[in-house]
């Protein structure tokens, strides 16, 4: 199982490095050109983190539910974990987007959006790491990740 968790971590690192390339380039350019404007809100206001979070979450979820053997095996806890986490992450993302797109000038708006972005991103990384570790573990016991 430790090897499978390692594979899950490795998969998550690669996804973060390549999936957030737009963010890394934006951070580099902004720090070079306008270092005083470099805040979390400045970098994530275009929604790059929200789209990434949803894409990673739905990718792991679909890997689980499209594999008939893994999704039918197991217990209620596994099915709930693979259904609850995407719903929770999606609710954070939608809430963050709704707050960001609102026209209010509430001074707490930036703080709330930052906290929701960080929370949804952290939840997605944890979900992706351990979800993929579980899928790698089950595929190691029989068949490949997608087909037997």
Protein backbone atom coordinates (compact mmCIF):
# COMPACT_ATOMS: atom_id res chain seq x y z
CA UNK A 1 0.00 0.00 0.00
CA UNK A 2 2.93 2.35 0.69
CA UNK A 3 4.09 2.03 -2.91
CA UNK A 4 0.58 2.86 -4.11
CA UNK A 5 0.46 5.97 -1.89
CA UNK A 6 3.83 6.94 -3.36
CA UNK A 7 2.39 6.53 -6.86
CA UNK A 8 -0.60 8.64 -5.82
CA UNK A 9 1.72 11.38 -4.53
CA UNK A 10 3.81 11.21 -7.70
CA UNK A 11 0.67 11.44 -9.87
CA UNK A 12 -0.56 14.43 -7.86
CA UNK A 13 2.79 16.23 -8.12
CA UNK A 14 2.86 15.78 -11.90
CA UNK A 15 -0.72 17.00 -12.17
CA UNK A 16 0.06 20.11 -10.09
CA UNK A 17 3.23 20.91 -12.05
CA UNK A 18 1.74 20.49 -15.52
CA UNK A 19 -1.93 21.19 -14.82
CA UNK A 20 -1.19 24.55 -13.25
CA UNK A 21 1.38 25.67 -15.82
CA UNK A 22 -0.71 28.78 -16.58
CA UNK A 23 -0.55 29.73 -12.91
CA UNK A 24 3.22 29.14 -12.67
CA UNK A 25 3.87 31.29 -15.76
CA UNK A 26 1.53 33.99 -14.44
CA UNK A 27 3.33 33.99 -11.08
CA UNK A 28 6.74 34.21 -12.74
CA UNK A 29 5.76 37.04 -15.07
CA UNK A 30 3.97 38.97 -12.33
CA UNK A 31 6.82 38.62 -9.86
CA UNK A 32 9.22 39.85 -12.52
CA UNK A 33 7.08 42.76 -13.79
CA UNK A 34 4.87 43.78 -10.84
CA UNK A 35 6.08 42.23 -7.58
CA UNK A 36 3.98 44.58 -5.44
CA UNK A 37 0.74 43.18 -6.96
CA UNK A 38 1.68 39.56 -6.22
CA UNK A 39 -1.10 38.31 -3.95
CA UNK A 40 -2.98 35.03 -3.94
CA UNK A 41 -6.17 36.80 -4.99
CA UNK A 42 -4.36 38.46 -7.91
CA UNK A 43 -3.22 35.07 -9.24
CA UNK A 44 -6.44 33.10 -8.77
CA UNK A 45 -9.04 35.72 -9.69
CA UNK A 46 -9.23 34.38 -13.26
CA UNK A 47 -10.38 31.00 -11.92
CA UNK A 48 -7.37 28.91 -12.93
CA UNK A 49 -7.30 27.19 -9.54
CA UNK A 50 -11.04 26.53 -9.58
CA UNK A 51 -10.96 24.90 -13.02
CA UNK A 52 -7.91 22.85 -12.09
CA UNK A 53 -9.51 21.70 -8.84
CA UNK A 54 -12.67 20.56 -10.61
CA UNK A 55 -10.75 18.82 -13.39
CA UNK A 56 -8.57 16.82 -10.99
CA UNK A 57 -11.52 15.94 -8.77
CA UNK A 58 -13.72 14.76 -11.61
CA UNK A 59 -10.82 12.86 -13.18
CA UNK A 60 -10.27 10.74 -10.07
CA UNK A 61 -14.00 10.30 -9.56
CA UNK A 62 -14.55 9.11 -13.11
CA UNK A 63 -11.61 6.70 -12.85
CA UNK A 64 -13.36 5.15 -9.88
CA UNK A 65 -16.94 5.05 -11.17
CA UNK A 66 -16.09 3.95 -14.74
CA UNK A 67 -14.20 0.95 -13.41
CA UNK A 68 -17.09 -1.43 -12.84
CA UNK A 69 -15.06 -3.83 -10.73
CA UNK A 70 -13.79 -1.23 -8.27
CA UNK A 71 -16.99 0.76 -8.01
CA UNK A 72 -19.14 -2.31 -7.33
CA UNK A 73 -16.67 -3.86 -4.92
CA UNK A 74 -16.31 -2.47 -1.48
CA UNK A 75 -18.58 -0.91 0.99
CA UNK A 76 -20.68 2.14 1.54
CA UNK A 77 -17.73 4.10 2.95
CA UNK A 78 -15.78 3.92 -0.33
CA UNK A 79 -18.78 4.85 -2.43
CA UNK A 80 -19.58 7.71 -0.07
CA UNK A 81 -15.97 8.96 -0.10
CA UNK A 82 -15.87 8.93 -3.90
CA UNK A 83 -19.21 10.76 -4.05
CA UNK A 84 -19.04 13.11 -1.04
CA UNK A 85 -15.60 14.62 -1.68
CA UNK A 86 -16.38 15.76 -5.23
CA UNK A 87 -19.65 17.30 -4.06
CA UNK A 88 -17.90 19.06 -1.16
CA UNK A 89 -15.10 20.34 -3.40
CA UNK A 90 -17.58 21.47 -6.04
CA UNK A 91 -19.61 23.36 -3.45
CA UNK A 92 -16.47 25.23 -2.31
CA UNK A 93 -15.61 26.07 -5.92
CA UNK A 94 -19.13 27.28 -6.75
CA UNK A 95 -19.30 29.35 -3.56
CA UNK A 96 -15.94 30.91 -4.32
CA UNK A 97 -17.02 31.76 -7.85
CA UNK A 98 -20.33 33.25 -6.71
CA UNK A 99 -18.62 35.42 -4.10
CA UNK A 100 -15.96 36.52 -6.57
CA UNK A 101 -18.48 37.41 -9.26
CA UNK A 102 -20.78 39.32 -6.90
CA UNK A 103 -20.78 43.09 -7.17
CA UNK A 104 -20.45 43.73 -3.43
CA UNK A 105 -17.50 45.70 -2.16
CA UNK A 106 -17.23 43.78 1.10
CA UNK A 107 -13.67 44.02 2.47
CA UNK A 108 -13.86 40.38 3.61
CA UNK A 109 -14.59 39.20 0.06
CA UNK A 110 -10.94 38.69 -0.85
CA UNK A 111 -10.23 36.81 2.36
CA UNK A 112 -13.23 34.52 1.94
CA UNK A 113 -12.39 33.79 -1.71
CA UNK A 114 -8.76 33.06 -0.79
CA UNK A 115 -9.83 30.71 2.02
CA UNK A 116 -12.29 28.88 -0.23
CA UNK A 117 -9.67 28.53 -2.98
CA UNK A 118 -7.06 27.19 -0.57
CA UNK A 119 -9.57 24.82 1.05
CA UNK A 120 -10.88 23.42 -2.23
CA UNK A 121 -7.34 23.05 -3.60
CA UNK A 122 -6.13 21.23 -0.47
CA UNK A 123 -9.19 18.97 -0.45
CA UNK A 124 -8.67 18.16 -4.14
CA UNK A 125 -5.00 17.31 -3.58
CA UNK A 126 -5.81 15.03 -0.65
CA UNK A 127 -8.66 13.43 -2.58
CA UNK A 128 -6.50 12.95 -5.67
CA UNK A 129 -3.55 11.51 -3.76
CA UNK A 130 -5.49 8.99 -1.73
CA UNK A 131 -8.09 8.30 -4.42
CA UNK A 132 -5.37 7.46 -6.91
CA UNK A 133 -3.48 5.45 -4.28
CA UNK A 134 -6.62 3.38 -3.71
CA UNK A 135 -7.10 2.89 -7.46
CA UNK A 136 -3.44 1.91 -7.91
CA UNK A 137 -3.74 -0.50 -5.00
CA UNK A 138 -6.84 -2.15 -6.42
CA UNK A 139 -5.31 -2.36 -9.91
CA UNK A 140 -2.19 -3.96 -8.45
CA UNK A 141 -4.37 -6.72 -6.99
CA UNK A 142 -5.90 -7.54 -10.35
CA UNK A 143 -5.73 -6.01 -13.80
CA UNK A 144 -4.75 -2.57 -14.98
CA UNK A 145 -6.11 0.71 -13.72
CA UNK A 146 -8.87 0.86 -16.33
CA UNK A 147 -9.33 -2.68 -17.61
CA UNK A 148 -8.81 -6.13 -16.27
